[in-house]
Amino acid sequence: MLGDKVIVYDDSCPMCKLYTYWFVAWGFLKPENRIGFATAPDSITTYIDLNRGRHEIPLYDRSTHETIYGLEALTFLLGSRWTWLKPIFHSKPFYWLFHPIYEIITYNRRVIAGCKVCCGFDCAPDLNRFYRSVFLAIAGAVVGVVVHGLMLSRMPVAIVAAILILVLIACGLISGTVTHLRKSELAVWDFAGNFATILLIVAIILTPLLMISNLNLPLSWVNVALAMALAMWETHRRKILR
């Protein structure tokens, strides 16, 4: 029964907190069946592969003591409410498409969300160089397309926005070289992931500039100011320049 299912989530990750919260809010799970790794009791963690659980979210069954993980766990919950989706979830094309997406997100969730580690069991995923590289490539492609589009528009606000992104990239490269090369390999990869996320956020916020015909509107300059302010805030919050 679904009432016996317990989802154990990464309570250091805001994204994990949010989507598991909605599982409760929408009635998929009881509030007491949403438990963070840091506070999960031994009666549950005993039946969970903690190493696998750090990378794929566990869904534990109190009655059978069985645990399913990751994409299978999420689709099980969704399929319990929307049964018409079950054939889609069980199809190979769905798995081939969404499993890599899930892996990219779960292995990079700490740098995407800019997490602070909670007390208790730390379920941070291992560094996966392949999925981190894929994330960096995706972020780089999006940022490159946005900068290229802004430069082609030839409008003052768009060109200023593009220059600011390029300056931000230069500052990040210099900072990364000076402050992180002597640190551990993990610190270098985490810096790259956090900085790529900041650039991606800025690029997404500036994307509306590519869709507005009159870029001289004051609102366009507010958009640029907001993007840069958020970049500075995220840089400070994530402490990536230290």
C-alpha atoms as a PDB file:
ATOM      1  CA  MET A   1       0.000   0.000   0.000  1.00  0.00           C
ATOM      2  CA  LEU A   2       1.120   3.548  -0.704  1.00  0.00           C
ATOM      3  CA  GLY A   3       0.514   4.446   2.947  1.00  0.00           C
ATOM      4  CA  ASP A   4       3.446   2.225   3.873  1.00  0.00           C
ATOM      5  CA  LYS A   5       5.852   3.948   1.489  1.00  0.00           C
ATOM      6  CA  VAL A   6       8.480   6.257   2.972  1.00  0.00           C
ATOM      7  CA  ILE A   7      10.598   8.580   0.835  1.00  0.00           C
ATOM      8  CA  VAL A   8      14.018   9.421   2.262  1.00  0.00           C
ATOM      9  CA  TYR A   9      15.366  12.615   0.721  1.00  0.00           C
ATOM     10  CA  ASP A  10      18.507  14.738   0.778  1.00  0.00           C
ATOM     11  CA  ASP A  11      17.620  17.324   3.425  1.00  0.00           C
ATOM     12  CA  SER A  12      20.622  19.458   2.456  1.00  0.00           C
ATOM     13  CA  CYS A  13      19.208  19.985  -1.042  1.00  0.00           C
ATOM     14  CA  PRO A  14      16.497  22.653  -1.533  1.00  0.00           C
ATOM     15  CA  MET A  15      15.327  20.984  -4.745  1.00  0.00           C
ATOM     16  CA  CYS A  16      14.861  17.664  -2.946  1.00  0.00           C
ATOM     17  CA  LYS A  17      13.002  19.389  -0.126  1.00  0.00           C
ATOM     18  CA  LEU A  18      10.706  21.102  -2.619  1.00  0.00           C
ATOM     19  CA  TYR A  19       9.648  18.194  -4.787  1.00  0.00           C
ATOM     20  CA  THR A  20       9.215  15.797  -1.848  1.00  0.00           C
ATOM     21  CA  TYR A  21       7.160  18.487  -0.117  1.00  0.00           C
ATOM     22  CA  TRP A  22       4.829  18.535  -3.106  1.00  0.00           C
ATOM     23  CA  PHE A  23       4.467  14.757  -2.943  1.00  0.00           C
ATOM     24  CA  VAL A  24       3.001  15.339   0.516  1.00  0.00           C
ATOM     25  CA  ALA A  25       1.000  18.444  -0.449  1.00  0.00           C
ATOM     26  CA  TRP A  26      -0.608  16.614  -3.379  1.00  0.00           C
ATOM     27  CA  GLY A  27      -1.472  13.606  -1.250  1.00  0.00           C
ATOM     28  CA  PHE A  28       0.960  11.055  -2.660  1.00  0.00           C
ATOM     29  CA  LEU A  29       2.554  10.547   0.762  1.00  0.00           C
ATOM     30  CA  LYS A  30       1.619  11.155   4.360  1.00  0.00           C
ATOM     31  CA  PRO A  31       3.643  13.913   6.076  1.00  0.00           C
ATOM     32  CA  GLU A  32       5.267  11.383   8.400  1.00  0.00           C
ATOM     33  CA  ASN A  33       6.382   9.330   5.389  1.00  0.00           C
ATOM     34  CA  ARG A  34       8.691  12.070   4.135  1.00  0.00           C
ATOM     35  CA  ILE A  35      11.961  11.802   6.065  1.00  0.00           C
ATOM     36  CA  GLY A  36      15.336  13.457   5.580  1.00  0.00           C
ATOM     37  CA  PHE A  37      18.508  11.389   5.545  1.00  0.00           C
ATOM     38  CA  ALA A  38      19.943  13.359   8.474  1.00  0.00           C
ATOM     39  CA  THR A  39      17.043  12.385  10.741  1.00  0.00           C
ATOM     40  CA  ALA A  40      16.085   8.970   9.318  1.00  0.00           C
ATOM     41  CA  PRO A  41      15.867   6.327  12.100  1.00  0.00           C
ATOM     42  CA  ASP A  42      17.867   3.115  12.070  1.00  0.00           C
ATOM     43  CA  SER A  43      14.638   1.175  11.599  1.00  0.00           C
ATOM     44  CA  ILE A  44      14.538   2.582   8.071  1.00  0.00           C
ATOM     45  CA  THR A  45      18.194   3.095   7.124  1.00  0.00           C
ATOM     46  CA  THR A  46      18.955  -0.523   8.019  1.00  0.00           C
ATOM     47  CA  TYR A  47      16.958  -1.572   4.955  1.00  0.00           C
ATOM     48  CA  ILE A  48      18.401   1.080   2.624  1.00  0.00           C
ATOM     49  CA  ASP A  49      21.579   0.849   0.595  1.00  0.00           C
ATOM     50  CA  LEU A  50      22.977   4.138   1.862  1.00  0.00           C
ATOM     51  CA  ASN A  51      25.620   4.372  -0.835  1.00  0.00           C
ATOM     52  CA  ARG A  52      23.029   3.944  -3.577  1.00  0.00           C
ATOM     53  CA  GLY A  53      20.608   6.170  -1.700  1.00  0.00           C
ATOM     54  CA  ARG A  54      23.064   9.069  -1.894  1.00  0.00           C
ATOM     55  CA  HIS A  55      22.734   8.959  -5.686  1.00  0.00           C
ATOM     56  CA  GLU A  56      19.185   7.707  -6.222  1.00  0.00           C
ATOM     57  CA  ILE A  57      16.394   8.720  -3.873  1.00  0.00           C
ATOM     58  CA  PRO A  58      15.068   5.709  -1.892  1.00  0.00           C
ATOM     59  CA  LEU A  59      11.411   4.795  -1.486  1.00  0.00           C
ATOM     60  CA  TYR A  60      11.141   2.353   1.405  1.00  0.00           C
ATOM     61  CA  ASP A  61       8.151   0.084   2.175  1.00  0.00           C
ATOM     62  CA  ARG A  62       7.512  -0.350   5.905  1.00  0.00           C
ATOM     63  CA  SER A  63       5.471  -3.519   5.430  1.00  0.00           C
ATOM     64  CA  THR A  64       7.769  -5.463   3.080  1.00  0.00           C
ATOM     65  CA  HIS A  65      11.084  -3.749   3.999  1.00  0.00           C
ATOM     66  CA  GLU A  66      11.779  -3.441   0.278  1.00  0.00           C
ATOM     67  CA  THR A  67      13.329  -0.317  -1.210  1.00  0.00           C
ATOM     68  CA  ILE A  68      13.240   1.022  -4.753  1.00  0.00           C
ATOM     69  CA  TYR A  69      15.448   3.854  -5.916  1.00  0.00           C
ATOM     70  CA  GLY A  70      15.755   6.835  -8.202  1.00  0.00           C
ATOM     71  CA  LEU A  71      13.621   7.148 -11.305  1.00  0.00           C
ATOM     72  CA  GLU A  72      11.782   3.922 -10.462  1.00  0.00           C
ATOM     73  CA  ALA A  73      10.803   5.362  -7.077  1.00  0.00           C
ATOM     74  CA  LEU A  74       9.545   8.638  -8.547  1.00  0.00           C
ATOM     75  CA  THR A  75       7.567   6.983 -11.337  1.00  0.00           C
ATOM     76  CA  PHE A  76       6.072   4.530  -8.822  1.00  0.00           C
ATOM     77  CA  LEU A  77       4.676   7.435  -6.809  1.00  0.00           C
ATOM     78  CA  LEU A  78       3.357   9.255  -9.872  1.00  0.00           C
ATOM     79  CA  GLY A  79       1.908   6.067 -11.317  1.00  0.00           C
ATOM     80  CA  SER A  80       0.055   5.355  -8.070  1.00  0.00           C
ATOM     81  CA  ARG A  81      -2.109   8.420  -8.725  1.00  0.00           C
ATOM     82  CA  TRP A  82      -2.052   8.623 -12.513  1.00  0.00           C
ATOM     83  CA  THR A  83      -2.315   4.977 -13.485  1.00  0.00           C
ATOM     84  CA  TRP A  84      -2.626   5.816 -17.182  1.00  0.00           C
ATOM     85  CA  LEU A  85       1.039   6.853 -17.085  1.00  0.00           C
ATOM     86  CA  LYS A  86       2.283   3.442 -15.966  1.00  0.00           C
ATOM     87  CA  PRO A  87       2.681   1.986 -19.503  1.00  0.00           C
ATOM     88  CA  ILE A  88       4.719   5.062 -20.438  1.00  0.00           C
ATOM     89  CA  PHE A  89       6.876   4.813 -17.317  1.00  0.00           C
ATOM     90  CA  HIS A  90       7.585   1.143 -18.018  1.00  0.00           C
ATOM     91  CA  SER A  91       8.523   1.691 -21.654  1.00  0.00           C
ATOM     92  CA  LYS A  92      12.130   1.563 -22.803  1.00  0.00           C
ATOM     93  CA  PRO A  93      12.016   4.922 -24.666  1.00  0.00           C
ATOM     94  CA  PHE A  94      10.953   6.648 -21.434  1.00  0.00           C
ATOM     95  CA  TYR A  95      13.816   5.045 -19.526  1.00  0.00           C
ATOM     96  CA  TRP A  96      16.373   5.830 -22.229  1.00  0.00           C
ATOM     97  CA  LEU A  97      15.276   9.477 -22.292  1.00  0.00           C
ATOM     98  CA  PHE A  98      14.710  10.281 -18.633  1.00  0.00           C
ATOM     99  CA  HIS A  99      17.247   8.096 -16.849  1.00  0.00           C
ATOM    100  CA  PRO A 100      20.226  10.149 -18.149  1.00  0.00           C
ATOM    101  CA  ILE A 101      18.360  13.357 -17.245  1.00  0.00           C
ATOM    102  CA  TYR A 102      17.766  12.032 -13.732  1.00  0.00           C
ATOM    103  CA  GLU A 103      21.435  11.067 -13.401  1.00  0.00           C
ATOM    104  CA  ILE A 104      22.633  14.490 -14.554  1.00  0.00           C
ATOM    105  CA  ILE A 105      20.411  16.189 -11.979  1.00  0.00           C
ATOM    106  CA  THR A 106      21.080  13.862  -9.046  1.00  0.00           C
ATOM    107  CA  TYR A 107      24.852  13.844  -9.430  1.00  0.00           C
ATOM    108  CA  ASN A 108      24.911  17.648  -9.776  1.00  0.00           C
ATOM    109  CA  ARG A 109      22.131  18.558  -7.358  1.00  0.00           C
ATOM    110  CA  ARG A 110      24.450  20.017  -4.722  1.00  0.00           C
ATOM    111  CA  VAL A 111      26.119  22.438  -7.169  1.00  0.00           C
ATOM    112  CA  ILE A 112      22.829  23.274  -8.905  1.00  0.00           C
ATOM    113  CA  ALA A 113      21.123  24.190  -5.633  1.00  0.00           C
ATOM    114  CA  GLY A 114      24.207  25.532  -3.839  1.00  0.00           C
ATOM    115  CA  CYS A 115      23.593  23.345  -0.780  1.00  0.00           C
ATOM    116  CA  LYS A 116      24.793  23.710   2.758  1.00  0.00           C
ATOM    117  CA  VAL A 117      25.499  20.410   4.487  1.00  0.00           C
ATOM    118  CA  CYS A 118      23.090  19.477   7.287  1.00  0.00           C
ATOM    119  CA  CYS A 119      24.099  17.781  10.489  1.00  0.00           C
ATOM    120  CA  GLY A 120      23.773  14.020  10.662  1.00  0.00           C
ATOM    121  CA  PHE A 121      24.294  11.662   7.735  1.00  0.00           C
ATOM    122  CA  ASP A 122      25.586  13.559   4.708  1.00  0.00           C
ATOM    123  CA  CYS A 123      24.091  12.001   1.579  1.00  0.00           C
ATOM    124  CA  ALA A 124      26.086  14.102  -0.869  1.00  0.00           C
ATOM    125  CA  PRO A 125      26.605  12.217  -4.146  1.00  0.00           C
ATOM    126  CA  ASP A 126      30.080  11.187  -5.246  1.00  0.00           C
ATOM    127  CA  LEU A 127      31.805  13.272  -7.879  1.00  0.00           C
ATOM    128  CA  ASN A 128      30.890  11.815 -11.249  1.00  0.00           C
ATOM    129  CA  ARG A 129      33.207  13.459 -13.772  1.00  0.00           C
ATOM    130  CA  PHE A 130      31.101  12.376 -16.736  1.00  0.00           C
ATOM    131  CA  TYR A 131      27.811  13.815 -15.472  1.00  0.00           C
ATOM    132  CA  ARG A 132      29.541  16.927 -14.136  1.00  0.00           C
ATOM    133  CA  SER A 133      31.108  17.430 -17.564  1.00  0.00           C
ATOM    134  CA  VAL A 134      27.729  16.953 -19.246  1.00  0.00           C
ATOM    135  CA  PHE A 135      26.202  19.564 -16.944  1.00  0.00           C
ATOM    136  CA  LEU A 136      29.040  21.986 -17.656  1.00  0.00           C
ATOM    137  CA  ALA A 137      28.585  21.408 -21.388  1.00  0.00           C
ATOM    138  CA  ILE A 138      24.833  22.061 -21.183  1.00  0.00           C
ATOM    139  CA  ALA A 139      25.350  25.237 -19.161  1.00  0.00           C
ATOM    140  CA  GLY A 140      28.089  26.378 -21.549  1.00  0.00           C
ATOM    141  CA  ALA A 141      25.899  25.762 -24.590  1.00  0.00           C
ATOM    142  CA  VAL A 142      22.971  27.732 -23.144  1.00  0.00           C
ATOM    143  CA  VAL A 143      25.192  30.626 -22.073  1.00  0.00           C
ATOM    144  CA  GLY A 144      26.926  30.649 -25.475  1.00  0.00           C
ATOM    145  CA  VAL A 145      23.626  30.772 -27.370  1.00  0.00           C
ATOM    146  CA  VAL A 146      22.321  33.614 -25.196  1.00  0.00           C
ATOM    147  CA  VAL A 147      25.527  35.667 -25.501  1.00  0.00           C
ATOM    148  CA  HIS A 148      25.598  35.126 -29.276  1.00  0.00           C
ATOM    149  CA  GLY A 149      21.963  36.176 -29.572  1.00  0.00           C
ATOM    150  CA  LEU A 150      22.519  39.290 -27.461  1.00  0.00           C
ATOM    151  CA  MET A 151      25.501  40.358 -29.542  1.00  0.00           C
ATOM    152  CA  LEU A 152      23.595  39.870 -32.812  1.00  0.00           C
ATOM    153  CA  SER A 153      20.746  42.104 -31.645  1.00  0.00           C
ATOM    154  CA  ARG A 154      23.064  45.145 -31.778  1.00  0.00           C
ATOM    155  CA  MET A 155      20.946  46.923 -29.188  1.00  0.00           C
ATOM    156  CA  PRO A 156      22.774  48.780 -26.388  1.00  0.00           C
ATOM    157  CA  VAL A 157      21.145  46.947 -23.498  1.00  0.00           C
ATOM    158  CA  ALA A 158      21.728  43.549 -25.121  1.00  0.00           C
ATOM    159  CA  ILE A 159      25.374  44.292 -25.863  1.00  0.00           C
ATOM    160  CA  VAL A 160      25.904  45.519 -22.291  1.00  0.00           C
ATOM    161  CA  ALA A 161      24.297  42.315 -21.014  1.00  0.00           C
ATOM    162  CA  ALA A 162      26.539  40.173 -23.235  1.00  0.00           C
ATOM    163  CA  ILE A 163      29.656  42.064 -22.114  1.00  0.00           C
ATOM    164  CA  LEU A 164      28.693  41.628 -18.465  1.00  0.00           C
ATOM    165  CA  ILE A 165      28.350  37.869 -18.963  1.00  0.00           C
ATOM    166  CA  LEU A 166      31.755  37.738 -20.668  1.00  0.00           C
ATOM    167  CA  VAL A 167      33.279  39.766 -17.806  1.00  0.00           C
ATOM    168  CA  LEU A 168      31.669  37.391 -15.319  1.00  0.00           C
ATOM    169  CA  ILE A 169      33.150  34.421 -17.184  1.00  0.00           C
ATOM    170  CA  ALA A 170      36.596  36.040 -17.208  1.00  0.00           C
ATOM    171  CA  CYS A 171      36.420  36.778 -13.481  1.00  0.00           C
ATOM    172  CA  GLY A 172      35.341  33.202 -12.810  1.00  0.00           C
ATOM    173  CA  LEU A 173      38.175  31.745 -14.859  1.00  0.00           C
ATOM    174  CA  ILE A 174      40.742  33.953 -13.144  1.00  0.00           C
ATOM    175  CA  SER A 175      39.332  33.219  -9.693  1.00  0.00           C
ATOM    176  CA  GLY A 176      39.149  29.511 -10.404  1.00  0.00           C
ATOM    177  CA  THR A 177      42.737  29.452 -11.575  1.00  0.00           C
ATOM    178  CA  VAL A 178      44.120  31.490  -8.684  1.00  0.00           C
ATOM    179  CA  THR A 179      42.107  30.144  -5.741  1.00  0.00           C
ATOM    180  CA  HIS A 180      41.195  26.577  -6.604  1.00  0.00           C
ATOM    181  CA  LEU A 181      43.971  24.904  -8.585  1.00  0.00           C
ATOM    182  CA  ARG A 182      45.914  24.146  -5.411  1.00  0.00           C
ATOM    183  CA  LYS A 183      42.867  22.660  -3.719  1.00  0.00           C
ATOM    184  CA  SER A 184      41.507  19.149  -4.035  1.00  0.00           C
ATOM    185  CA  GLU A 185      40.139  17.835  -7.300  1.00  0.00           C
ATOM    186  CA  LEU A 186      36.656  17.796  -5.766  1.00  0.00           C
ATOM    187  CA  ALA A 187      36.931  21.493  -4.867  1.00  0.00           C
ATOM    188  CA  VAL A 188      37.866  22.348  -8.457  1.00  0.00           C
ATOM    189  CA  TRP A 189      34.942  20.374  -9.909  1.00  0.00           C
ATOM    190  CA  ASP A 190      32.550  21.866  -7.334  1.00  0.00           C
ATOM    191  CA  PHE A 191      33.744  25.373  -8.163  1.00  0.00           C
ATOM    192  CA  ALA A 192      33.173  24.686 -11.866  1.00  0.00           C
ATOM    193  CA  GLY A 193      29.693  23.311 -11.184  1.00  0.00           C
ATOM    194  CA  ASN A 194      28.652  26.204  -8.946  1.00  0.00           C
ATOM    195  CA  PHE A 195      30.014  28.822 -11.313  1.00  0.00           C
ATOM    196  CA  ALA A 196      28.348  27.179 -14.319  1.00  0.00           C
ATOM    197  CA  THR A 197      25.042  27.261 -12.419  1.00  0.00           C
ATOM    198  CA  ILE A 198      25.424  30.991 -11.748  1.00  0.00           C
ATOM    199  CA  LEU A 199      26.123  31.650 -15.428  1.00  0.00           C
ATOM    200  CA  LEU A 200      23.143  29.498 -16.395  1.00  0.00           C
ATOM    201  CA  ILE A 201      20.849  31.452 -14.050  1.00  0.00           C
ATOM    202  CA  VAL A 202      22.059  34.751 -15.498  1.00  0.00           C
ATOM    203  CA  ALA A 203      21.584  33.510 -19.067  1.00  0.00           C
ATOM    204  CA  ILE A 204      18.038  32.316 -18.341  1.00  0.00           C
ATOM    205  CA  ILE A 205      17.092  35.646 -16.748  1.00  0.00           C
ATOM    206  CA  LEU A 206      18.483  37.515 -19.765  1.00  0.00           C
ATOM    207  CA  THR A 207      16.715  35.281 -22.295  1.00  0.00           C
ATOM    208  CA  PRO A 208      13.640  37.608 -22.487  1.00  0.00           C
ATOM    209  CA  LEU A 209      15.934  40.228 -24.028  1.00  0.00           C
ATOM    210  CA  LEU A 210      16.140  37.979 -27.089  1.00  0.00           C
ATOM    211  CA  MET A 211      12.365  38.074 -27.494  1.00  0.00           C
ATOM    212  CA  ILE A 212      11.683  41.799 -27.055  1.00  0.00           C
ATOM    213  CA  SER A 213      11.704  43.962 -30.157  1.00  0.00           C
ATOM    214  CA  ASN A 214      12.285  47.258 -28.331  1.00  0.00           C
ATOM    215  CA  LEU A 215      15.230  46.575 -26.051  1.00  0.00           C
ATOM    216  CA  ASN A 216      15.593  50.228 -25.051  1.00  0.00           C
ATOM    217  CA  LEU A 217      12.690  50.000 -22.654  1.00  0.00           C
ATOM    218  CA  PRO A 218      13.615  50.736 -19.016  1.00  0.00           C
ATOM    219  CA  LEU A 219      12.327  47.286 -18.110  1.00  0.00           C
ATOM    220  CA  SER A 220      15.136  45.757 -20.179  1.00  0.00           C
ATOM    221  CA  TRP A 221      17.753  47.548 -18.099  1.00  0.00           C
ATOM    222  CA  VAL A 222      15.992  46.356 -14.932  1.00  0.00           C
ATOM    223  CA  ASN A 223      16.254  42.821 -16.327  1.00  0.00           C
ATOM    224  CA  VAL A 224      20.018  43.207 -16.752  1.00  0.00           C
ATOM    225  CA  ALA A 225      20.421  44.741 -13.288  1.00  0.00           C
ATOM    226  CA  LEU A 226      18.424  41.884 -11.758  1.00  0.00           C
ATOM    227  CA  ALA A 227      20.577  39.283 -13.507  1.00  0.00           C
ATOM    228  CA  MET A 228      23.816  40.848 -12.319  1.00  0.00           C
ATOM    229  CA  ALA A 229      22.525  41.361  -8.773  1.00  0.00           C
ATOM    230  CA  LEU A 230      21.494  37.731  -8.604  1.00  0.00           C
ATOM    231  CA  ALA A 231      24.896  36.666  -9.947  1.00  0.00           C
ATOM    232  CA  MET A 232      26.654  38.612  -7.178  1.00  0.00           C
ATOM    233  CA  TRP A 233      24.275  37.256  -4.541  1.00  0.00           C
ATOM    234  CA  GLU A 234      24.719  33.653  -5.663  1.00  0.00           C
ATOM    235  CA  THR A 235      28.504  34.110  -5.800  1.00  0.00           C
ATOM    236  CA  HIS A 236      28.437  35.356  -2.218  1.00  0.00           C
ATOM    237  CA  ARG A 237      25.931  32.724  -1.024  1.00  0.00           C
ATOM    238  CA  ARG A 238      27.855  29.841  -2.529  1.00  0.00           C
ATOM    239  CA  LYS A 239      31.200  31.307  -1.349  1.00  0.00           C
ATOM    240  CA  ILE A 240      32.827  30.113  -4.574  1.00  0.00           C
ATOM    241  CA  LEU A 241      35.425  32.898  -4.588  1.00  0.00           C
ATOM    242  CA  ARG A 242      36.906  31.860  -1.213  1.00  0.00           C
END
